[in-house]
Amino acid sequence: MSPADEDDSGIHCRLDELLAARGITLTRLAEDVGVSVVNLSVLKNDRARAIRYSTLAAICRVLECEVGDLLVYRPSA
């Protein structure tokens, strides 16, 4: 098992899907949330190891979604 596999929590971020559905760019979301585009990109690409509740709340506020719309659990096989 590689180190990347060991870090796989099974949590998947659906940020790209929510942005597309709402017609919002990652840059616009970053401005509205007050987080860097780089940090949101890490989250969007499932490379984040943690997220602040305040950031999570701000993303949900801007995208008008629930946490469960943004983060889903997909266990590995």
C-alpha atoms as a PDB file:
ATOM      1  CA  MET A   1       0.000   0.000   0.000  1.00  0.00           C
ATOM      2  CA  SER A   2       1.449   3.385  -0.982  1.00  0.00           C
ATOM      3  CA  PRO A   3       1.446   6.413   1.358  1.00  0.00           C
ATOM      4  CA  ALA A   4      -1.207   8.006  -0.851  1.00  0.00           C
ATOM      5  CA  ASP A   5      -3.463   4.995  -0.326  1.00  0.00           C
ATOM      6  CA  GLU A   6      -2.978   5.185   3.438  1.00  0.00           C
ATOM      7  CA  ASP A   7      -4.160   8.816   3.408  1.00  0.00           C
ATOM      8  CA  ASP A   8      -7.311   8.005   1.426  1.00  0.00           C
ATOM      9  CA  SER A   9     -10.105   8.822   3.859  1.00  0.00           C
ATOM     10  CA  GLY A  10     -12.856   8.039   1.389  1.00  0.00           C
ATOM     11  CA  ILE A  11     -14.086  11.636   1.630  1.00  0.00           C
ATOM     12  CA  HIS A  12     -14.701  13.184  -1.790  1.00  0.00           C
ATOM     13  CA  CYS A  13     -15.244  16.880  -2.379  1.00  0.00           C
ATOM     14  CA  ARG A  14     -17.901  17.712  -4.967  1.00  0.00           C
ATOM     15  CA  LEU A  15     -16.814  21.360  -5.265  1.00  0.00           C
ATOM     16  CA  ASP A  16     -16.219  21.201  -9.021  1.00  0.00           C
ATOM     17  CA  GLU A  17     -19.706  19.777  -9.595  1.00  0.00           C
ATOM     18  CA  LEU A  18     -21.361  22.425  -7.416  1.00  0.00           C
ATOM     19  CA  LEU A  19     -19.435  25.246  -9.098  1.00  0.00           C
ATOM     20  CA  ALA A  20     -20.447  24.002 -12.543  1.00  0.00           C
ATOM     21  CA  ALA A  21     -24.092  23.630 -11.534  1.00  0.00           C
ATOM     22  CA  ARG A  22     -24.151  27.208 -10.225  1.00  0.00           C
ATOM     23  CA  GLY A  23     -22.034  28.786 -12.967  1.00  0.00           C
ATOM     24  CA  ILE A  24     -19.468  30.073 -10.481  1.00  0.00           C
ATOM     25  CA  THR A  25     -15.714  30.015 -11.064  1.00  0.00           C
ATOM     26  CA  LEU A  26     -13.199  28.895  -8.479  1.00  0.00           C
ATOM     27  CA  THR A  27     -11.725  32.409  -8.553  1.00  0.00           C
ATOM     28  CA  ARG A  28     -15.105  33.986  -7.777  1.00  0.00           C
ATOM     29  CA  LEU A  29     -15.732  31.505  -4.966  1.00  0.00           C
ATOM     30  CA  ALA A  30     -12.294  32.254  -3.509  1.00  0.00           C
ATOM     31  CA  GLU A  31     -13.095  35.969  -3.489  1.00  0.00           C
ATOM     32  CA  ASP A  32     -16.528  35.453  -1.937  1.00  0.00           C
ATOM     33  CA  VAL A  33     -15.261  33.025   0.714  1.00  0.00           C
ATOM     34  CA  GLY A  34     -12.009  34.850   1.485  1.00  0.00           C
ATOM     35  CA  VAL A  35      -9.762  31.852   0.811  1.00  0.00           C
ATOM     36  CA  SER A  36      -6.992  31.579  -1.781  1.00  0.00           C
ATOM     37  CA  VAL A  37      -7.670  29.913  -5.110  1.00  0.00           C
ATOM     38  CA  VAL A  38      -4.786  27.542  -4.354  1.00  0.00           C
ATOM     39  CA  ASN A  39      -6.406  26.362  -1.108  1.00  0.00           C
ATOM     40  CA  LEU A  40      -9.772  25.849  -2.798  1.00  0.00           C
ATOM     41  CA  SER A  41      -8.054  23.985  -5.624  1.00  0.00           C
ATOM     42  CA  VAL A  42      -6.469  21.617  -3.098  1.00  0.00           C
ATOM     43  CA  LEU A  43      -9.931  20.985  -1.651  1.00  0.00           C
ATOM     44  CA  LYS A  44     -11.540  20.591  -5.078  1.00  0.00           C
ATOM     45  CA  ASN A  45      -8.950  18.034  -6.168  1.00  0.00           C
ATOM     46  CA  ASP A  46      -9.371  15.900  -3.021  1.00  0.00           C
ATOM     47  CA  ARG A  47      -5.881  16.684  -1.751  1.00  0.00           C
ATOM     48  CA  ALA A  48      -6.982  18.535   1.398  1.00  0.00           C
ATOM     49  CA  ARG A  49      -6.211  16.848   4.694  1.00  0.00           C
ATOM     50  CA  ALA A  50      -8.318  19.261   6.763  1.00  0.00           C
ATOM     51  CA  ILE A  51     -10.767  22.127   6.403  1.00  0.00           C
ATOM     52  CA  ARG A  52     -11.745  24.788   8.905  1.00  0.00           C
ATOM     53  CA  TYR A  53     -15.392  24.828   9.911  1.00  0.00           C
ATOM     54  CA  SER A  54     -15.485  28.553   9.129  1.00  0.00           C
ATOM     55  CA  THR A  55     -14.277  27.871   5.574  1.00  0.00           C
ATOM     56  CA  LEU A  56     -16.737  25.029   5.172  1.00  0.00           C
ATOM     57  CA  ALA A  57     -19.566  27.246   6.413  1.00  0.00           C
ATOM     58  CA  ALA A  58     -18.559  30.080   4.076  1.00  0.00           C
ATOM     59  CA  ILE A  59     -18.443  27.756   1.050  1.00  0.00           C
ATOM     60  CA  CYS A  60     -21.878  26.376   1.918  1.00  0.00           C
ATOM     61  CA  ARG A  61     -23.243  29.902   2.401  1.00  0.00           C
ATOM     62  CA  VAL A  62     -21.956  31.118  -0.965  1.00  0.00           C
ATOM     63  CA  LEU A  63     -22.991  27.976  -2.856  1.00  0.00           C
ATOM     64  CA  GLU A  64     -26.290  27.709  -0.951  1.00  0.00           C
ATOM     65  CA  CYS A  65     -25.691  24.068  -0.134  1.00  0.00           C
ATOM     66  CA  GLU A  66     -25.381  21.720   2.814  1.00  0.00           C
ATOM     67  CA  VAL A  67     -22.137  20.137   3.975  1.00  0.00           C
ATOM     68  CA  GLY A  68     -23.398  16.788   2.671  1.00  0.00           C
ATOM     69  CA  ASP A  69     -23.797  18.313  -0.794  1.00  0.00           C
ATOM     70  CA  LEU A  70     -20.130  19.328  -0.760  1.00  0.00           C
ATOM     71  CA  LEU A  71     -18.486  16.379   1.005  1.00  0.00           C
ATOM     72  CA  VAL A  72     -19.458  12.763   0.412  1.00  0.00           C
ATOM     73  CA  TYR A  73     -18.067   9.485   1.696  1.00  0.00           C
ATOM     74  CA  ARG A  74     -16.952   6.995  -0.944  1.00  0.00           C
ATOM     75  CA  PRO A  75     -15.133   4.080   0.682  1.00  0.00           C
ATOM     76  CA  SER A  76     -12.331   2.538  -1.327  1.00  0.00           C
ATOM     77  CA  ALA A  77     -12.768  -1.013  -2.520  1.00  0.00           C
END
